[in-house]
C-alpha atoms as a PDB file:
ATOM      1  CA  MET A   1     116.832-143.236 141.607  1.00  0.00           C
ATOM      2  CA  SER A   2     115.626-139.631 142.491  1.00  0.00           C
ATOM      3  CA  HIS A   3     116.592-138.164 139.430  1.00  0.00           C
ATOM      4  CA  ASN A   4     114.371-137.723 136.084  1.00  0.00           C
ATOM      5  CA  LYS A   5     113.728-140.239 134.117  1.00  0.00           C
ATOM      6  CA  GLN A   6     114.239-137.691 131.217  1.00  0.00           C
ATOM      7  CA  LEU A   7     117.627-136.083 131.070  1.00  0.00           C
ATOM      8  CA  LYS A   8     119.067-133.611 128.101  1.00  0.00           C
ATOM      9  CA  VAL A   9     121.917-134.081 127.767  1.00  0.00           C
ATOM     10  CA  SER A  10     124.477-131.625 125.872  1.00  0.00           C
ATOM     11  CA  ILE A  11     127.765-132.368 123.702  1.00  0.00           C
ATOM     12  CA  VAL A  12     130.388-129.560 122.991  1.00  0.00           C
ATOM     13  CA  GLN A  13     132.662-130.213 119.957  1.00  0.00           C
ATOM     14  CA  HIS A  14     134.999-127.370 119.267  1.00  0.00           C
ATOM     15  CA  SER A  15     138.770-126.887 118.273  1.00  0.00           C
ATOM     16  CA  CYS A  16     141.596-125.036 120.474  1.00  0.00           C
ATOM     17  CA  THR A  17     143.991-122.814 119.773  1.00  0.00           C
ATOM     18  CA  ALA A  18     147.114-121.787 122.120  1.00  0.00           C
ATOM     19  CA  ASP A  19     145.221-119.289 123.155  1.00  0.00           C
ATOM     20  CA  VAL A  20     143.858-120.668 126.938  1.00  0.00           C
ATOM     21  CA  ASP A  21     142.155-117.495 127.981  1.00  0.00           C
ATOM     22  CA  ALA A  22     140.841-117.857 124.108  1.00  0.00           C
ATOM     23  CA  ASN A  23     139.123-121.206 124.457  1.00  0.00           C
ATOM     24  CA  PHE A  24     138.125-120.542 127.971  1.00  0.00           C
ATOM     25  CA  ALA A  25     136.174-117.978 126.563  1.00  0.00           C
ATOM     26  CA  LEU A  26     134.836-120.761 124.089  1.00  0.00           C
ATOM     27  CA  VAL A  27     133.962-123.338 126.123  1.00  0.00           C
ATOM     28  CA  GLU A  28     132.206-120.416 128.446  1.00  0.00           C
ATOM     29  CA  SER A  29     129.666-119.817 125.176  1.00  0.00           C
ATOM     30  CA  CYS A  30     129.388-123.194 124.710  1.00  0.00           C
ATOM     31  CA  VAL A  31     127.868-124.059 128.113  1.00  0.00           C
ATOM     32  CA  GLN A  32     125.469-120.695 128.013  1.00  0.00           C
ATOM     33  CA  GLN A  33     124.399-121.720 124.532  1.00  0.00           C
ATOM     34  CA  ALA A  34     123.360-125.483 125.844  1.00  0.00           C
ATOM     35  CA  ALA A  35     122.193-124.533 128.857  1.00  0.00           C
ATOM     36  CA  LYS A  36     119.367-122.432 126.974  1.00  0.00           C
ATOM     37  CA  GLN A  37     119.076-125.980 125.038  1.00  0.00           C
ATOM     38  CA  GLY A  38     117.782-127.155 128.244  1.00  0.00           C
ATOM     39  CA  ALA A  39     120.627-129.480 129.100  1.00  0.00           C
ATOM     40  CA  GLU A  40     120.601-130.727 132.368  1.00  0.00           C
ATOM     41  CA  LEU A  41     124.214-132.323 131.625  1.00  0.00           C
ATOM     42  CA  VAL A  42     126.766-130.567 129.486  1.00  0.00           C
ATOM     43  CA  VAL A  43     130.012-132.829 128.410  1.00  0.00           C
ATOM     44  CA  LEU A  44     133.397-130.846 127.465  1.00  0.00           C
ATOM     45  CA  PRO A  45     136.297-132.383 125.351  1.00  0.00           C
ATOM     46  CA  GLU A  46     139.563-133.733 126.477  1.00  0.00           C
ATOM     47  CA  LEU A  47     141.863-130.958 127.836  1.00  0.00           C
ATOM     48  CA  HIS A  48     139.636-128.079 126.438  1.00  0.00           C
ATOM     49  CA  ASP A  49     141.714-125.054 127.848  1.00  0.00           C
ATOM     50  CA  TYR A  50     144.553-125.822 125.775  1.00  0.00           C
ATOM     51  CA  PRO A  51     145.731-126.720 122.469  1.00  0.00           C
ATOM     52  CA  TYR A  52     147.041-130.782 122.461  1.00  0.00           C
ATOM     53  CA  PHE A  53     149.898-130.326 123.762  1.00  0.00           C
ATOM     54  CA  CYS A  54     151.019-133.957 124.154  1.00  0.00           C
ATOM     55  CA  GLN A  55     152.185-133.788 120.673  1.00  0.00           C
ATOM     56  CA  THR A  56     155.643-133.117 121.480  1.00  0.00           C
ATOM     57  CA  GLU A  57     157.597-133.919 125.146  1.00  0.00           C
ATOM     58  CA  ASP A  58     158.424-130.265 126.297  1.00  0.00           C
ATOM     59  CA  VAL A  59     159.322-129.646 130.086  1.00  0.00           C
ATOM     60  CA  ASN A  60     157.600-126.326 129.883  1.00  0.00           C
ATOM     61  CA  ASN A  61     153.992-127.084 129.039  1.00  0.00           C
ATOM     62  CA  PHE A  62     154.158-128.532 132.481  1.00  0.00           C
ATOM     63  CA  ASP A  63     153.292-124.250 133.410  1.00  0.00           C
ATOM     64  CA  LEU A  64     149.739-125.333 132.227  1.00  0.00           C
ATOM     65  CA  ALA A  65     148.825-127.319 134.750  1.00  0.00           C
ATOM     66  CA  GLU A  66     146.968-126.514 138.035  1.00  0.00           C
ATOM     67  CA  PRO A  67     145.871-127.911 141.434  1.00  0.00           C
ATOM     68  CA  ILE A  68     142.377-129.425 142.071  1.00  0.00           C
ATOM     69  CA  PRO A  69     140.492-127.727 143.832  1.00  0.00           C
ATOM     70  CA  GLY A  70     142.387-124.262 142.368  1.00  0.00           C
ATOM     71  CA  GLU A  71     141.372-121.163 140.535  1.00  0.00           C
ATOM     72  CA  LYS A  72     140.551-122.528 137.074  1.00  0.00           C
ATOM     73  CA  SER A  73     138.500-125.446 138.558  1.00  0.00           C
ATOM     74  CA  GLN A  74     136.166-122.602 140.363  1.00  0.00           C
ATOM     75  CA  LEU A  75     136.094-120.936 137.377  1.00  0.00           C
ATOM     76  CA  TYR A  76     134.392-124.097 136.075  1.00  0.00           C
ATOM     77  CA  ALA A  77     132.724-124.419 139.374  1.00  0.00           C
ATOM     78  CA  ASP A  78     131.065-120.903 138.708  1.00  0.00           C
ATOM     79  CA  MET A  79     130.157-121.693 135.273  1.00  0.00           C
ATOM     80  CA  ALA A  80     128.171-124.200 136.122  1.00  0.00           C
ATOM     81  CA  ALA A  81     126.302-123.126 139.042  1.00  0.00           C
ATOM     82  CA  GLU A  82     125.607-119.874 136.543  1.00  0.00           C
ATOM     83  CA  ASN A  83     124.429-122.256 134.096  1.00  0.00           C
ATOM     84  CA  ASP A  84     121.821-124.509 136.148  1.00  0.00           C
ATOM     85  CA  VAL A  85     123.865-127.097 134.494  1.00  0.00           C
ATOM     86  CA  VAL A  86     125.975-130.735 135.498  1.00  0.00           C
ATOM     87  CA  LEU A  87     128.969-130.029 133.800  1.00  0.00           C
ATOM     88  CA  VAL A  88     131.568-132.642 133.111  1.00  0.00           C
ATOM     89  CA  THR A  89     135.179-130.459 132.615  1.00  0.00           C
ATOM     90  CA  SER A  90     138.587-132.301 131.580  1.00  0.00           C
ATOM     91  CA  LEU A  91     141.660-130.445 132.959  1.00  0.00           C
ATOM     92  CA  PHE A  92     145.410-130.905 133.693  1.00  0.00           C
ATOM     93  CA  GLU A  93     145.705-131.705 137.424  1.00  0.00           C
ATOM     94  CA  LYS A  94     149.235-130.397 139.163  1.00  0.00           C
ATOM     95  CA  ARG A  95     149.271-132.488 142.321  1.00  0.00           C
ATOM     96  CA  ALA A  96     152.304-131.784 143.826  1.00  0.00           C
ATOM     97  CA  PRO A  97     156.139-130.842 141.935  1.00  0.00           C
ATOM     98  CA  GLY A  98     156.678-133.729 139.190  1.00  0.00           C
ATOM     99  CA  LEU A  99     152.892-135.237 139.768  1.00  0.00           C
ATOM    100  CA  TYR A 100     150.778-134.708 137.448  1.00  0.00           C
ATOM    101  CA  HIS A 101     147.407-136.151 135.750  1.00  0.00           C
ATOM    102  CA  ASN A 102     144.776-135.767 133.294  1.00  0.00           C
ATOM    103  CA  THR A 103     141.522-135.364 135.199  1.00  0.00           C
ATOM    104  CA  ALA A 104     138.094-135.156 134.558  1.00  0.00           C
ATOM    105  CA  VAL A 105     136.150-133.011 137.536  1.00  0.00           C
ATOM    106  CA  VAL A 106     132.327-133.337 137.305  1.00  0.00           C
ATOM    107  CA  PHE A 107     130.734-129.745 138.856  1.00  0.00           C
ATOM    108  CA  GLU A 108     127.232-129.863 140.774  1.00  0.00           C
ATOM    109  CA  LYS A 109     124.215-127.620 139.707  1.00  0.00           C
ATOM    110  CA  ASP A 110     125.196-125.535 142.787  1.00  0.00           C
ATOM    111  CA  GLY A 111     128.790-125.383 142.335  1.00  0.00           C
ATOM    112  CA  THR A 112     129.691-127.835 144.328  1.00  0.00           C
ATOM    113  CA  THR A 113     132.386-130.850 142.844  1.00  0.00           C
ATOM    114  CA  ALA A 114     130.262-134.095 142.501  1.00  0.00           C
ATOM    115  CA  GLY A 115     133.634-136.080 141.594  1.00  0.00           C
ATOM    116  CA  HIS A 116     136.535-136.542 140.014  1.00  0.00           C
ATOM    117  CA  TYR A 117     138.291-139.048 137.897  1.00  0.00           C
ATOM    118  CA  ARG A 118     142.013-139.523 136.772  1.00  0.00           C
ATOM    119  CA  LYS A 119     142.646-141.050 133.729  1.00  0.00           C
ATOM    120  CA  MET A 120     143.779-144.528 134.084  1.00  0.00           C
ATOM    121  CA  HIS A 121     144.940-145.933 130.561  1.00  0.00           C
ATOM    122  CA  ILE A 122     147.653-143.523 128.892  1.00  0.00           C
ATOM    123  CA  PRO A 123     149.019-143.714 125.518  1.00  0.00           C
ATOM    124  CA  ASP A 124     151.979-143.054 124.382  1.00  0.00           C
ATOM    125  CA  ASP A 125     152.382-143.455 120.866  1.00  0.00           C
ATOM    126  CA  PRO A 126     154.109-140.851 118.332  1.00  0.00           C
ATOM    127  CA  GLY A 127     152.129-137.121 118.107  1.00  0.00           C
ATOM    128  CA  PHE A 128     150.354-138.711 121.887  1.00  0.00           C
ATOM    129  CA  TYR A 129     152.860-138.612 124.112  1.00  0.00           C
ATOM    130  CA  GLU A 130     150.609-138.289 127.000  1.00  0.00           C
ATOM    131  CA  LYS A 131     153.193-140.907 129.634  1.00  0.00           C
ATOM    132  CA  PHE A 132     155.448-137.696 129.450  1.00  0.00           C
ATOM    133  CA  TYR A 133     152.994-135.549 130.996  1.00  0.00           C
ATOM    134  CA  PHE A 134     150.411-138.102 132.903  1.00  0.00           C
ATOM    135  CA  THR A 135     150.336-140.203 135.533  1.00  0.00           C
ATOM    136  CA  PRO A 136     147.643-143.151 135.750  1.00  0.00           C
ATOM    137  CA  GLY A 137     145.092-142.347 137.850  1.00  0.00           C
ATOM    138  CA  ASP A 138     144.564-144.114 141.501  1.00  0.00           C
ATOM    139  CA  LEU A 139     140.986-143.041 142.016  1.00  0.00           C
ATOM    140  CA  GLY A 140     139.791-146.479 140.266  1.00  0.00           C
ATOM    141  CA  PHE A 141     136.813-147.028 138.178  1.00  0.00           C
ATOM    142  CA  GLU A 142     133.987-145.578 140.688  1.00  0.00           C
ATOM    143  CA  PRO A 143     131.215-144.073 138.975  1.00  0.00           C
ATOM    144  CA  ILE A 144     129.981-140.136 140.258  1.00  0.00           C
ATOM    145  CA  GLU A 145     126.691-139.288 141.571  1.00  0.00           C
ATOM    146  CA  THR A 146     125.072-136.188 139.972  1.00  0.00           C
ATOM    147  CA  SER A 147     121.207-134.717 140.354  1.00  0.00           C
ATOM    148  CA  VAL A 148     121.271-136.365 137.026  1.00  0.00           C
ATOM    149  CA  GLY A 149     122.823-139.705 138.095  1.00  0.00           C
ATOM    150  CA  LYS A 150     125.934-141.802 138.707  1.00  0.00           C
ATOM    151  CA  LEU A 151     128.137-141.158 135.672  1.00  0.00           C
ATOM    152  CA  GLY A 152     130.724-143.350 134.513  1.00  0.00           C
ATOM    153  CA  VAL A 153     133.692-140.986 133.404  1.00  0.00           C
ATOM    154  CA  LEU A 154     136.038-141.922 131.244  1.00  0.00           C
ATOM    155  CA  VAL A 155     138.553-140.199 129.713  1.00  0.00           C
ATOM    156  CA  CYS A 156     139.869-141.160 125.552  1.00  0.00           C
ATOM    157  CA  TRP A 157     142.004-143.869 125.336  1.00  0.00           C
ATOM    158  CA  ASP A 158     140.180-145.795 128.043  1.00  0.00           C
ATOM    159  CA  GLN A 159     137.239-146.160 125.823  1.00  0.00           C
ATOM    160  CA  TRP A 160     139.058-148.790 123.657  1.00  0.00           C
ATOM    161  CA  PHE A 161     138.750-150.778 127.253  1.00  0.00           C
ATOM    162  CA  PRO A 162     136.366-152.823 127.386  1.00  0.00           C
ATOM    163  CA  GLU A 163     137.220-153.705 131.295  1.00  0.00           C
ATOM    164  CA  ALA A 164     137.007-150.103 132.077  1.00  0.00           C
ATOM    165  CA  ALA A 165     133.081-149.759 130.890  1.00  0.00           C
ATOM    166  CA  ARG A 166     132.116-152.528 132.232  1.00  0.00           C
ATOM    167  CA  LEU A 167     133.901-152.070 135.533  1.00  0.00           C
ATOM    168  CA  MET A 168     132.111-148.675 135.554  1.00  0.00           C
ATOM    169  CA  ALA A 169     128.894-150.338 134.660  1.00  0.00           C
ATOM    170  CA  LEU A 170     129.496-152.923 137.356  1.00  0.00           C
ATOM    171  CA  ALA A 171     129.580-149.891 140.360  1.00  0.00           C
ATOM    172  CA  GLY A 172     126.367-148.833 138.746  1.00  0.00           C
ATOM    173  CA  ALA A 173     127.371-146.235 136.030  1.00  0.00           C
ATOM    174  CA  GLU A 174     124.077-144.980 134.574  1.00  0.00           C
ATOM    175  CA  ILE A 175     125.920-143.104 131.762  1.00  0.00           C
ATOM    176  CA  LEU A 176     129.234-143.834 130.424  1.00  0.00           C
ATOM    177  CA  VAL A 177     130.752-140.215 129.517  1.00  0.00           C
ATOM    178  CA  TYR A 178     134.268-140.275 127.261  1.00  0.00           C
ATOM    179  CA  PRO A 179     135.407-136.376 127.127  1.00  0.00           C
ATOM    180  CA  THR A 180     138.158-137.223 124.060  1.00  0.00           C
ATOM    181  CA  ALA A 181     140.631-135.869 121.844  1.00  0.00           C
ATOM    182  CA  ILE A 182     141.038-138.397 119.463  1.00  0.00           C
ATOM    183  CA  GLY A 183     141.932-137.687 115.330  1.00  0.00           C
ATOM    184  CA  TRP A 184     144.103-138.522 112.517  1.00  0.00           C
ATOM    185  CA  ASP A 185     147.508-138.441 111.324  1.00  0.00           C
ATOM    186  CA  PRO A 186     147.438-135.773 108.056  1.00  0.00           C
ATOM    187  CA  ASN A 187     149.631-138.485 106.085  1.00  0.00           C
ATOM    188  CA  ASP A 188     147.339-141.470 106.781  1.00  0.00           C
ATOM    189  CA  THR A 189     145.479-142.561 103.486  1.00  0.00           C
ATOM    190  CA  LYS A 190     141.888-141.863 103.238  1.00  0.00           C
ATOM    191  CA  GLU A 191     140.593-146.197 103.504  1.00  0.00           C
ATOM    192  CA  GLU A 192     142.977-146.064 107.009  1.00  0.00           C
ATOM    193  CA  LYS A 193     141.263-142.937 108.213  1.00  0.00           C
ATOM    194  CA  ALA A 194     137.818-144.442 107.382  1.00  0.00           C
ATOM    195  CA  ARG A 195     139.077-147.786 109.227  1.00  0.00           C
ATOM    196  CA  GLN A 196     139.738-145.759 112.950  1.00  0.00           C
ATOM    197  CA  LEU A 197     136.825-143.336 113.083  1.00  0.00           C
ATOM    198  CA  ASP A 198     134.849-146.626 112.120  1.00  0.00           C
ATOM    199  CA  ALA A 199     136.713-148.814 114.886  1.00  0.00           C
ATOM    200  CA  TRP A 200     136.368-145.664 117.216  1.00  0.00           C
ATOM    201  CA  ILE A 201     132.882-145.723 117.251  1.00  0.00           C
ATOM    202  CA  THR A 202     132.186-149.233 116.316  1.00  0.00           C
ATOM    203  CA  VAL A 203     133.867-150.171 120.290  1.00  0.00           C
ATOM    204  CA  GLN A 204     132.253-147.336 122.063  1.00  0.00           C
ATOM    205  CA  ARG A 205     128.610-148.224 120.683  1.00  0.00           C
ATOM    206  CA  SER A 206     129.782-152.019 121.599  1.00  0.00           C
ATOM    207  CA  HIS A 207     130.623-150.915 125.491  1.00  0.00           C
ATOM    208  CA  ALA A 208     126.834-149.539 125.207  1.00  0.00           C
ATOM    209  CA  ILE A 209     125.377-152.598 124.136  1.00  0.00           C
ATOM    210  CA  ALA A 210     127.816-154.829 126.468  1.00  0.00           C
ATOM    211  CA  ASN A 211     126.919-152.955 129.254  1.00  0.00           C
ATOM    212  CA  GLY A 212     122.619-151.610 128.690  1.00  0.00           C
ATOM    213  CA  VAL A 213     123.530-147.969 129.123  1.00  0.00           C
ATOM    214  CA  PRO A 214     124.296-144.697 127.024  1.00  0.00           C
ATOM    215  CA  VAL A 215     127.572-143.720 126.029  1.00  0.00           C
ATOM    216  CA  VAL A 216     128.226-140.107 125.432  1.00  0.00           C
ATOM    217  CA  VAL A 217     131.015-139.138 123.707  1.00  0.00           C
ATOM    218  CA  ALA A 218     132.677-135.064 123.114  1.00  0.00           C
ATOM    219  CA  ASN A 219     135.445-134.592 120.909  1.00  0.00           C
ATOM    220  CA  ARG A 220     137.677-131.958 119.214  1.00  0.00           C
ATOM    221  CA  CYS A 221     137.919-131.269 115.434  1.00  0.00           C
ATOM    222  CA  GLY A 222     140.255-128.833 113.767  1.00  0.00           C
ATOM    223  CA  HIS A 223     143.802-129.214 113.160  1.00  0.00           C
ATOM    224  CA  GLU A 224     146.078-128.688 115.470  1.00  0.00           C
ATOM    225  CA  THR A 225     150.410-128.291 114.254  1.00  0.00           C
ATOM    226  CA  ASP A 226     152.844-130.007 116.046  1.00  0.00           C
ATOM    227  CA  ALA A 227     154.845-127.608 117.780  1.00  0.00           C
ATOM    228  CA  SER A 228     158.524-129.404 117.677  1.00  0.00           C
ATOM    229  CA  GLN A 229     157.336-129.613 114.106  1.00  0.00           C
ATOM    230  CA  HIS A 230     158.673-133.407 113.752  1.00  0.00           C
ATOM    231  CA  LEU A 231     155.394-134.775 113.183  1.00  0.00           C
ATOM    232  CA  ALA A 232     152.266-133.512 110.562  1.00  0.00           C
ATOM    233  CA  GLY A 233     150.028-132.234 113.514  1.00  0.00           C
ATOM    234  CA  ILE A 234     146.584-133.437 114.046  1.00  0.00           C
ATOM    235  CA  ASP A 235     143.516-133.150 112.349  1.00  0.00           C
ATOM    236  CA  PHE A 236     141.062-134.310 115.320  1.00  0.00           C
ATOM    237  CA  TRP A 237     137.791-136.156 113.464  1.00  0.00           C
ATOM    238  CA  GLY A 238     135.129-134.421 115.424  1.00  0.00           C
ATOM    239  CA  ASN A 239     132.375-136.867 115.088  1.00  0.00           C
ATOM    240  CA  SER A 240     130.815-136.607 118.947  1.00  0.00           C
ATOM    241  CA  PHE A 241     127.968-138.911 119.002  1.00  0.00           C
ATOM    242  CA  ALA A 242     125.569-140.340 121.401  1.00  0.00           C
ATOM    243  CA  CYS A 243     123.979-143.613 121.822  1.00  0.00           C
ATOM    244  CA  GLY A 244     121.603-145.764 124.192  1.00  0.00           C
ATOM    245  CA  PRO A 245     121.655-148.969 126.152  1.00  0.00           C
ATOM    246  CA  GLN A 246     121.402-151.034 122.625  1.00  0.00           C
ATOM    247  CA  GLY A 247     124.048-149.219 120.895  1.00  0.00           C
ATOM    248  CA  GLU A 248     121.745-147.299 118.514  1.00  0.00           C
ATOM    249  CA  MET A 249     122.912-144.048 117.637  1.00  0.00           C
ATOM    250  CA  LEU A 250     120.659-141.173 118.901  1.00  0.00           C
ATOM    251  CA  GLN A 251     123.048-138.008 117.503  1.00  0.00           C
ATOM    252  CA  GLN A 252     126.216-137.816 115.871  1.00  0.00           C
ATOM    253  CA  THR A 253     127.853-134.256 114.226  1.00  0.00           C
ATOM    254  CA  LYS A 254     130.602-134.129 111.625  1.00  0.00           C
ATOM    255  CA  ASN A 255     134.088-132.385 111.595  1.00  0.00           C
ATOM    256  CA  GLN A 256     133.202-129.386 112.653  1.00  0.00           C
ATOM    257  CA  PRO A 257     132.482-127.333 115.619  1.00  0.00           C
ATOM    258  CA  ALA A 258     128.806-127.922 117.268  1.00  0.00           C
ATOM    259  CA  ILE A 259     126.490-127.844 120.643  1.00  0.00           C
ATOM    260  CA  PHE A 260     123.987-130.196 120.136  1.00  0.00           C
ATOM    261  CA  SER A 261     121.519-131.837 122.702  1.00  0.00           C
ATOM    262  CA  ILE A 262     120.212-135.257 123.018  1.00  0.00           C
ATOM    263  CA  THR A 263     117.424-136.764 124.866  1.00  0.00           C
ATOM    264  CA  LEU A 264     118.503-139.547 127.632  1.00  0.00           C
ATOM    265  CA  ASP A 265     115.187-142.535 128.554  1.00  0.00           C
ATOM    266  CA  HIS A 266     116.888-143.407 131.629  1.00  0.00           C
ATOM    267  CA  SER A 267     114.247-146.209 132.001  1.00  0.00           C
ATOM    268  CA  ARG A 268     115.278-147.478 128.429  1.00  0.00           C
ATOM    269  CA  ALA A 269     118.320-149.478 130.521  1.00  0.00           C
ATOM    270  CA  GLU A 270     116.017-150.998 133.014  1.00  0.00           C
ATOM    271  CA  LYS A 271     114.151-152.555 130.163  1.00  0.00           C
ATOM    272  CA  VAL A 272     117.225-153.504 127.760  1.00  0.00           C
ATOM    273  CA  ARG A 273     119.046-155.168 131.057  1.00  0.00           C
ATOM    274  CA  ARG A 274     115.798-157.488 131.208  1.00  0.00           C
ATOM    275  CA  ILE A 275     115.760-158.684 128.001  1.00  0.00           C
ATOM    276  CA  TRP A 276     119.534-158.850 127.049  1.00  0.00           C
ATOM    277  CA  PRO A 277     120.423-160.010 130.808  1.00  0.00           C
ATOM    278  CA  PHE A 278     124.455-159.916 130.049  1.00  0.00           C
ATOM    279  CA  LEU A 279     125.135-159.042 133.495  1.00  0.00           C
ATOM    280  CA  ARG A 280     122.976-162.018 134.913  1.00  0.00           C
ATOM    281  CA  ASP A 281     124.652-164.626 132.801  1.00  0.00           C
ATOM    282  CA  ARG A 282     128.462-163.609 133.595  1.00  0.00           C
ATOM    283  CA  ARG A 283     130.215-166.098 134.586  1.00  0.00           C
ATOM    284  CA  ILE A 284     132.366-164.852 137.605  1.00  0.00           C
ATOM    285  CA  ASP A 285     133.908-167.943 138.745  1.00  0.00           C
ATOM    286  CA  SER A 286     135.559-168.286 135.025  1.00  0.00           C
ATOM    287  CA  TYR A 287     137.164-164.610 134.763  1.00  0.00           C
ATOM    288  CA  SER A 288     139.907-164.788 136.934  1.00  0.00           C
ATOM    289  CA  ASP A 289     142.897-164.919 134.282  1.00  0.00           C
ATOM    290  CA  LEU A 290     141.239-161.498 133.124  1.00  0.00           C
ATOM    291  CA  LEU A 291     143.278-160.194 135.794  1.00  0.00           C
ATOM    292  CA  ARG A 292     147.189-161.478 134.063  1.00  0.00           C
ATOM    293  CA  ARG A 293     148.934-159.827 131.113  1.00  0.00           C
ATOM    294  CA  TYR A 294     148.873-162.744 128.476  1.00  0.00           C
ATOM    295  CA  LYS A 295     148.586-166.786 128.642  1.00  0.00           C
ATOM    296  CA  ASP A 296     151.702-167.504 127.632  1.00  0.00           C
END
């Protein structure tokens, strides 16, 4: 392993407005602050340049998408180089006319593209009409090799699926990274909101435990209205966090803009996997039914 065992990671949590240029300027400022804190790896929330446009189905929103590589991705490449950080971004990719993806692009410290991941699991729920906008990813679950380690980058809805985390870990991912945009329906009860947030944290901590790797999650925060006014909007719940390979919470923020840094110890995963050798004891000869939708 050529990279340092101690890795300082900064998680950026912010709110988004309809002003795309202002959103970009905010992200730029956050990355600069993270670099000043000594971060080598900076993780941004899902679709950080835009309001969460998937609350409604509107063909005009496709105008937000850009090719990769392209003008927007070049700005982030420059940002990574100027701040000497590995930068995990989340962009709306225009691949071809009528073909769009929700794509995470990772930039190396020198501004080169380390790799990209296209979101595989695409939700379609009230207020989260992503199937209208995004074609499911076709790059598989392949970690992105960087100077700070192999990053298993997944996006938002992917974080509920143990298969995605497992396949990234089996391919050598050393950290699971989840850019996210998730929140509450303002009409939900306080009790239901608590259950949802607790489930979200629990399932991701379980991915860390089951795979013996740290997990880093960057969510957005703040209320965003539904442009169609059919729904009550979304209260993005923030609560970005990082946990270690036994699911131990390293740091978690609340529901307000924040930039916080944690130090990950790459050597801990090896130690944890030696005492909890889940990969050793997997019964791969008995898992073929996982490829079925359901066992009727």
